[in-house]
Amino acid sequence: MSTNKQVRKVIATDAALALIEQLKTEHGALMFHQSGGCCDGSTPMCFPEGELIIGAADILLGEIGGCPFYIGAAQYKSWKHTQLIIDVASGPGNDFSLESADGFRFLSRSRLLLEDEVLEDV
C-alpha cells in the first residue's frame, strides 16, 4: 500500500481567491495561464475565459477559484516537481492580465514536493 500523499499541482491563497471572485463578478468566467517569462518574468496571467487560445503545447494544470489554470508544456517540465501557489500583491502587473487595472498583480510562488508527496495526474 502506498503512503504517498497526493497534492494539487496549483493552489491559491485566500487573498488570490478573493481577487478571483471579485474579477469573476466584474468579468464573468475567467482562465489563467502561467507566463513563461519574457517581459514580466513568470507570472500568472488572468483573462476572460476563451480570450487566450490554448494550444497543443499547453497543459491544464488544475483549477483555482473554479477557473482553469494552464501552463506551457516546456515550462511544466522545469516545474514538475513543485506545487504552484498563486498569490496576489499590490502594485502594477502585466497590462494584459485583468487584475492590473485594479492595482494588483497575481504572482506565483512554488514549493518543492516533500519526499512522500506526489502531484495529481495532469
C-alpha atoms as a PDB file:
ATOM      1  CA  MET A   1       0.000   0.000   0.000  1.00  0.00           C
ATOM      2  CA  SER A   2       1.370   3.414  -0.997  1.00  0.00           C
ATOM      3  CA  THR A   3       1.819   6.013   1.717  1.00  0.00           C
ATOM      4  CA  ASN A   4       2.304   8.873  -0.739  1.00  0.00           C
ATOM      5  CA  LYS A   5       0.198  11.962  -0.184  1.00  0.00           C
ATOM      6  CA  GLN A   6      -1.346  13.310  -3.392  1.00  0.00           C
ATOM      7  CA  VAL A   7      -1.318  17.126  -3.694  1.00  0.00           C
ATOM      8  CA  ARG A   8      -2.798  19.542  -6.210  1.00  0.00           C
ATOM      9  CA  LYS A   9      -0.397  20.992  -8.783  1.00  0.00           C
ATOM     10  CA  VAL A  10      -1.724  24.532  -8.360  1.00  0.00           C
ATOM     11  CA  ILE A  11      -3.409  26.173  -5.380  1.00  0.00           C
ATOM     12  CA  ALA A  12      -4.248  29.770  -4.455  1.00  0.00           C
ATOM     13  CA  THR A  13      -4.011  31.801  -1.276  1.00  0.00           C
ATOM     14  CA  ASP A  14      -7.114  33.271   0.334  1.00  0.00           C
ATOM     15  CA  ALA A  15      -6.127  36.725  -0.988  1.00  0.00           C
ATOM     16  CA  ALA A  16      -5.843  35.383  -4.537  1.00  0.00           C
ATOM     17  CA  LEU A  17      -9.181  33.571  -4.240  1.00  0.00           C
ATOM     18  CA  ALA A  18     -10.860  36.784  -3.041  1.00  0.00           C
ATOM     19  CA  LEU A  19      -9.466  38.717  -6.010  1.00  0.00           C
ATOM     20  CA  ILE A  20     -10.569  35.954  -8.394  1.00  0.00           C
ATOM     21  CA  GLU A  21     -14.126  36.221  -7.030  1.00  0.00           C
ATOM     22  CA  GLN A  22     -14.082  39.994  -7.486  1.00  0.00           C
ATOM     23  CA  LEU A  23     -12.827  39.643 -11.070  1.00  0.00           C
ATOM     24  CA  LYS A  24     -15.429  36.964 -11.849  1.00  0.00           C
ATOM     25  CA  THR A  25     -18.168  39.365 -10.658  1.00  0.00           C
ATOM     26  CA  GLU A  26     -16.804  42.086 -12.948  1.00  0.00           C
ATOM     27  CA  HIS A  27     -15.814  40.000 -15.991  1.00  0.00           C
ATOM     28  CA  GLY A  28     -17.599  36.647 -15.831  1.00  0.00           C
ATOM     29  CA  ALA A  29     -15.819  33.315 -16.256  1.00  0.00           C
ATOM     30  CA  LEU A  30     -12.025  33.508 -16.125  1.00  0.00           C
ATOM     31  CA  MET A  31      -8.997  31.479 -17.125  1.00  0.00           C
ATOM     32  CA  PHE A  32      -5.312  31.595 -16.140  1.00  0.00           C
ATOM     33  CA  HIS A  33      -2.095  30.890 -17.993  1.00  0.00           C
ATOM     34  CA  GLN A  34       1.306  30.740 -16.342  1.00  0.00           C
ATOM     35  CA  SER A  35       3.541  33.049 -18.347  1.00  0.00           C
ATOM     36  CA  GLY A  36       6.821  31.513 -19.422  1.00  0.00           C
ATOM     37  CA  GLY A  37       8.990  34.546 -18.995  1.00  0.00           C
ATOM     38  CA  CYS A  38       9.831  37.461 -21.269  1.00  0.00           C
ATOM     39  CA  CYS A  39       8.645  40.906 -20.221  1.00  0.00           C
ATOM     40  CA  ASP A  40       7.119  40.216 -16.801  1.00  0.00           C
ATOM     41  CA  GLY A  41       9.012  37.051 -15.955  1.00  0.00           C
ATOM     42  CA  SER A  42       6.983  34.061 -14.902  1.00  0.00           C
ATOM     43  CA  THR A  43       3.647  35.484 -13.834  1.00  0.00           C
ATOM     44  CA  PRO A  44       0.173  34.007 -13.825  1.00  0.00           C
ATOM     45  CA  MET A  45      -1.971  35.843 -16.349  1.00  0.00           C
ATOM     46  CA  CYS A  46      -5.742  36.194 -15.855  1.00  0.00           C
ATOM     47  CA  PHE A  47      -8.074  36.504 -18.858  1.00  0.00           C
ATOM     48  CA  PRO A  48     -11.796  36.291 -19.566  1.00  0.00           C
ATOM     49  CA  GLU A  49     -12.427  32.634 -20.362  1.00  0.00           C
ATOM     50  CA  GLY A  50     -11.727  31.923 -24.027  1.00  0.00           C
ATOM     51  CA  GLU A  51      -9.763  35.131 -24.657  1.00  0.00           C
ATOM     52  CA  LEU A  52      -6.438  33.287 -24.799  1.00  0.00           C
ATOM     53  CA  ILE A  53      -6.205  30.484 -27.331  1.00  0.00           C
ATOM     54  CA  ILE A  54      -4.929  27.332 -25.669  1.00  0.00           C
ATOM     55  CA  GLY A  55      -2.718  25.253 -27.930  1.00  0.00           C
ATOM     56  CA  ALA A  56      -1.379  21.715 -28.070  1.00  0.00           C
ATOM     57  CA  ALA A  57       1.714  22.838 -26.124  1.00  0.00           C
ATOM     58  CA  ASP A  58      -0.379  23.988 -23.142  1.00  0.00           C
ATOM     59  CA  ILE A  59      -1.263  21.760 -20.181  1.00  0.00           C
ATOM     60  CA  LEU A  60      -4.280  22.147 -17.911  1.00  0.00           C
ATOM     61  CA  LEU A  61      -2.530  22.199 -14.546  1.00  0.00           C
ATOM     62  CA  GLY A  62      -5.691  22.410 -12.459  1.00  0.00           C
ATOM     63  CA  GLU A  63      -8.187  24.993 -11.245  1.00  0.00           C
ATOM     64  CA  ILE A  64      -8.061  27.884  -8.822  1.00  0.00           C
ATOM     65  CA  GLY A  65     -11.248  29.574  -7.703  1.00  0.00           C
ATOM     66  CA  GLY A  66     -13.179  27.449 -10.205  1.00  0.00           C
ATOM     67  CA  CYS A  67     -11.079  28.777 -13.112  1.00  0.00           C
ATOM     68  CA  PRO A  68      -8.876  26.630 -15.355  1.00  0.00           C
ATOM     69  CA  PHE A  69      -5.135  27.186 -14.947  1.00  0.00           C
ATOM     70  CA  TYR A  70      -2.807  26.352 -17.856  1.00  0.00           C
ATOM     71  CA  ILE A  71       0.957  26.204 -18.259  1.00  0.00           C
ATOM     72  CA  GLY A  72       3.168  25.655 -21.291  1.00  0.00           C
ATOM     73  CA  ALA A  73       4.486  22.092 -21.571  1.00  0.00           C
ATOM     74  CA  ALA A  74       8.116  23.232 -21.825  1.00  0.00           C
ATOM     75  CA  GLN A  75       7.796  25.293 -18.646  1.00  0.00           C
ATOM     76  CA  TYR A  76       5.989  22.468 -16.865  1.00  0.00           C
ATOM     77  CA  LYS A  77       8.995  20.198 -17.433  1.00  0.00           C
ATOM     78  CA  SER A  78      11.069  22.579 -15.310  1.00  0.00           C
ATOM     79  CA  TRP A  79       8.445  22.908 -12.568  1.00  0.00           C
ATOM     80  CA  LYS A  80       7.006  19.378 -12.481  1.00  0.00           C
ATOM     81  CA  HIS A  81       8.435  18.666  -9.021  1.00  0.00           C
ATOM     82  CA  THR A  82       6.848  21.717  -7.436  1.00  0.00           C
ATOM     83  CA  GLN A  83       3.429  22.879  -6.359  1.00  0.00           C
ATOM     84  CA  LEU A  84       2.500  26.342  -7.655  1.00  0.00           C
ATOM     85  CA  ILE A  85       0.930  28.670  -5.107  1.00  0.00           C
ATOM     86  CA  ILE A  86      -0.847  31.638  -6.682  1.00  0.00           C
ATOM     87  CA  ASP A  87      -0.834  34.746  -4.524  1.00  0.00           C
ATOM     88  CA  VAL A  88      -1.627  38.428  -5.012  1.00  0.00           C
ATOM     89  CA  ALA A  89       0.311  41.624  -4.309  1.00  0.00           C
ATOM     90  CA  SER A  90      -0.452  45.289  -4.700  1.00  0.00           C
ATOM     91  CA  GLY A  91       1.248  47.241  -7.437  1.00  0.00           C
ATOM     92  CA  PRO A  92       1.375  47.205 -11.201  1.00  0.00           C
ATOM     93  CA  GLY A  93       1.388  43.915 -13.024  1.00  0.00           C
ATOM     94  CA  ASN A  94       1.154  42.848 -16.626  1.00  0.00           C
ATOM     95  CA  ASP A  95      -1.141  45.122 -18.619  1.00  0.00           C
ATOM     96  CA  PHE A  96      -2.731  42.119 -20.346  1.00  0.00           C
ATOM     97  CA  SER A  97      -3.861  40.481 -17.097  1.00  0.00           C
ATOM     98  CA  LEU A  98      -7.276  41.591 -15.765  1.00  0.00           C
ATOM     99  CA  GLU A  99      -6.241  42.404 -12.204  1.00  0.00           C
ATOM    100  CA  SER A 100      -3.700  45.043 -13.260  1.00  0.00           C
ATOM    101  CA  ALA A 101      -6.496  47.577 -13.868  1.00  0.00           C
ATOM    102  CA  ASP A 102      -7.338  47.360 -10.149  1.00  0.00           C
ATOM    103  CA  GLY A 103      -3.753  47.955  -8.976  1.00  0.00           C
ATOM    104  CA  PHE A 104      -2.959  44.332  -8.122  1.00  0.00           C
ATOM    105  CA  ARG A 105      -0.957  41.537  -9.640  1.00  0.00           C
ATOM    106  CA  PHE A 106      -1.076  37.790  -9.334  1.00  0.00           C
ATOM    107  CA  LEU A 107       2.241  36.146  -8.610  1.00  0.00           C
ATOM    108  CA  SER A 108       3.491  32.587  -8.481  1.00  0.00           C
ATOM    109  CA  ARG A 109       5.254  31.068  -5.556  1.00  0.00           C
ATOM    110  CA  SER A 110       6.309  27.459  -5.536  1.00  0.00           C
ATOM    111  CA  ARG A 111       7.410  24.815  -3.140  1.00  0.00           C
ATOM    112  CA  LEU A 112       9.311  21.624  -3.765  1.00  0.00           C
ATOM    113  CA  LEU A 113       7.394  18.470  -3.053  1.00  0.00           C
ATOM    114  CA  LEU A 114       8.167  16.608   0.122  1.00  0.00           C
ATOM    115  CA  GLU A 115       9.530  13.107  -0.184  1.00  0.00           C
ATOM    116  CA  ASP A 116       6.142  11.465   0.489  1.00  0.00           C
ATOM    117  CA  GLU A 117       4.135  13.778  -1.832  1.00  0.00           C
ATOM    118  CA  VAL A 118       3.155  13.193  -5.453  1.00  0.00           C
ATOM    119  CA  LEU A 119       1.259  15.508  -7.755  1.00  0.00           C
ATOM    120  CA  GLU A 120      -2.135  14.556  -9.109  1.00  0.00           C
ATOM    121  CA  ASP A 121      -2.066  13.484 -12.752  1.00  0.00           C
ATOM    122  CA  VAL A 122      -2.146  16.183 -15.429  1.00  0.00           C
END
